[in-house]
């Protein structure tokens, strides 16, 4: 939710959504982000990123 709040502040839209609307926006944003990550191939990312994502996934 914190990343969505930052996006809304940056876009000057931070006071325009209810708590429930922000929850839904955050869920939609996260779902889109996960789908983008799923489409990544190791040959398309910077060295070390695949390992970093693996470590983050463990925690």
C-alpha atoms as a PDB file:
ATOM      1  CA  UNK A   1       0.000   0.000   0.000  1.00  0.00           C
ATOM      2  CA  UNK A   2       2.940   2.306   0.684  1.00  0.00           C
ATOM      3  CA  UNK A   3       4.101   2.235  -2.930  1.00  0.00           C
ATOM      4  CA  UNK A   4       0.582   3.103  -4.110  1.00  0.00           C
ATOM      5  CA  UNK A   5       0.475   6.025  -1.691  1.00  0.00           C
ATOM      6  CA  UNK A   6       3.728   7.308  -3.157  1.00  0.00           C
ATOM      7  CA  UNK A   7       2.342   6.991  -6.685  1.00  0.00           C
ATOM      8  CA  UNK A   8      -0.837   8.853  -5.713  1.00  0.00           C
ATOM      9  CA  UNK A   9       1.111  11.649  -4.028  1.00  0.00           C
ATOM     10  CA  UNK A  10       3.391  11.964  -7.040  1.00  0.00           C
ATOM     11  CA  UNK A  11       0.342  12.181  -9.313  1.00  0.00           C
ATOM     12  CA  UNK A  12      -1.384  14.725  -7.021  1.00  0.00           C
ATOM     13  CA  UNK A  13      -4.225  12.255  -6.428  1.00  0.00           C
ATOM     14  CA  UNK A  14      -3.559  11.289  -2.816  1.00  0.00           C
ATOM     15  CA  UNK A  15      -6.850  12.595  -1.420  1.00  0.00           C
ATOM     16  CA  UNK A  16      -9.129  11.360  -4.174  1.00  0.00           C
ATOM     17  CA  UNK A  17      -9.754   7.740  -3.153  1.00  0.00           C
ATOM     18  CA  UNK A  18     -11.416   6.040  -0.206  1.00  0.00           C
ATOM     19  CA  UNK A  19      -9.580   3.436   1.847  1.00  0.00           C
ATOM     20  CA  UNK A  20     -11.424   0.649   0.019  1.00  0.00           C
ATOM     21  CA  UNK A  21     -10.639   2.160  -3.382  1.00  0.00           C
ATOM     22  CA  UNK A  22      -6.953   2.427  -2.431  1.00  0.00           C
ATOM     23  CA  UNK A  23      -6.942  -1.200  -1.329  1.00  0.00           C
ATOM     24  CA  UNK A  24      -8.361  -2.233  -4.694  1.00  0.00           C
ATOM     25  CA  UNK A  25      -5.911  -0.016  -6.592  1.00  0.00           C
ATOM     26  CA  UNK A  26      -3.027  -1.501  -4.605  1.00  0.00           C
ATOM     27  CA  UNK A  27      -4.216  -5.046  -5.334  1.00  0.00           C
ATOM     28  CA  UNK A  28      -4.547  -4.259  -9.047  1.00  0.00           C
ATOM     29  CA  UNK A  29      -1.122  -2.604  -9.114  1.00  0.00           C
ATOM     30  CA  UNK A  30       0.495  -5.548  -7.369  1.00  0.00           C
ATOM     31  CA  UNK A  31      -1.196  -8.081  -9.651  1.00  0.00           C
ATOM     32  CA  UNK A  32       0.083  -6.186 -12.691  1.00  0.00           C
ATOM     33  CA  UNK A  33       3.588  -5.998 -11.214  1.00  0.00           C
ATOM     34  CA  UNK A  34       3.653  -9.743 -10.526  1.00  0.00           C
ATOM     35  CA  UNK A  35       2.537 -10.459 -14.090  1.00  0.00           C
ATOM     36  CA  UNK A  36       5.379  -8.285 -15.401  1.00  0.00           C
ATOM     37  CA  UNK A  37       7.878 -10.142 -13.229  1.00  0.00           C
ATOM     38  CA  UNK A  38       6.551 -13.499 -14.430  1.00  0.00           C
ATOM     39  CA  UNK A  39       7.363 -12.495 -17.993  1.00  0.00           C
ATOM     40  CA  UNK A  40      11.007 -11.777 -17.271  1.00  0.00           C
ATOM     41  CA  UNK A  41      13.589 -14.100 -18.740  1.00  0.00           C
ATOM     42  CA  UNK A  42      17.048 -14.412 -17.147  1.00  0.00           C
ATOM     43  CA  UNK A  43      18.743 -13.151 -20.297  1.00  0.00           C
ATOM     44  CA  UNK A  44      16.751  -9.900 -20.115  1.00  0.00           C
ATOM     45  CA  UNK A  45      17.739  -8.819 -16.600  1.00  0.00           C
ATOM     46  CA  UNK A  46      20.890  -7.293 -15.159  1.00  0.00           C
ATOM     47  CA  UNK A  47      23.500  -9.610 -13.648  1.00  0.00           C
ATOM     48  CA  UNK A  48      22.686 -10.602 -10.074  1.00  0.00           C
ATOM     49  CA  UNK A  49      18.994  -9.713 -10.231  1.00  0.00           C
ATOM     50  CA  UNK A  50      17.760 -13.312 -10.571  1.00  0.00           C
ATOM     51  CA  UNK A  51      19.692 -14.273  -7.447  1.00  0.00           C
ATOM     52  CA  UNK A  52      18.416 -11.215  -5.565  1.00  0.00           C
ATOM     53  CA  UNK A  53      14.802 -12.024  -6.432  1.00  0.00           C
ATOM     54  CA  UNK A  54      15.336 -15.589  -5.253  1.00  0.00           C
ATOM     55  CA  UNK A  55      16.673 -14.351  -1.927  1.00  0.00           C
ATOM     56  CA  UNK A  56      13.776 -11.915  -1.525  1.00  0.00           C
ATOM     57  CA  UNK A  57      11.274 -14.638  -2.321  1.00  0.00           C
ATOM     58  CA  UNK A  58      12.707 -16.756   0.525  1.00  0.00           C
ATOM     59  CA  UNK A  59      11.911 -14.027   3.030  1.00  0.00           C
END
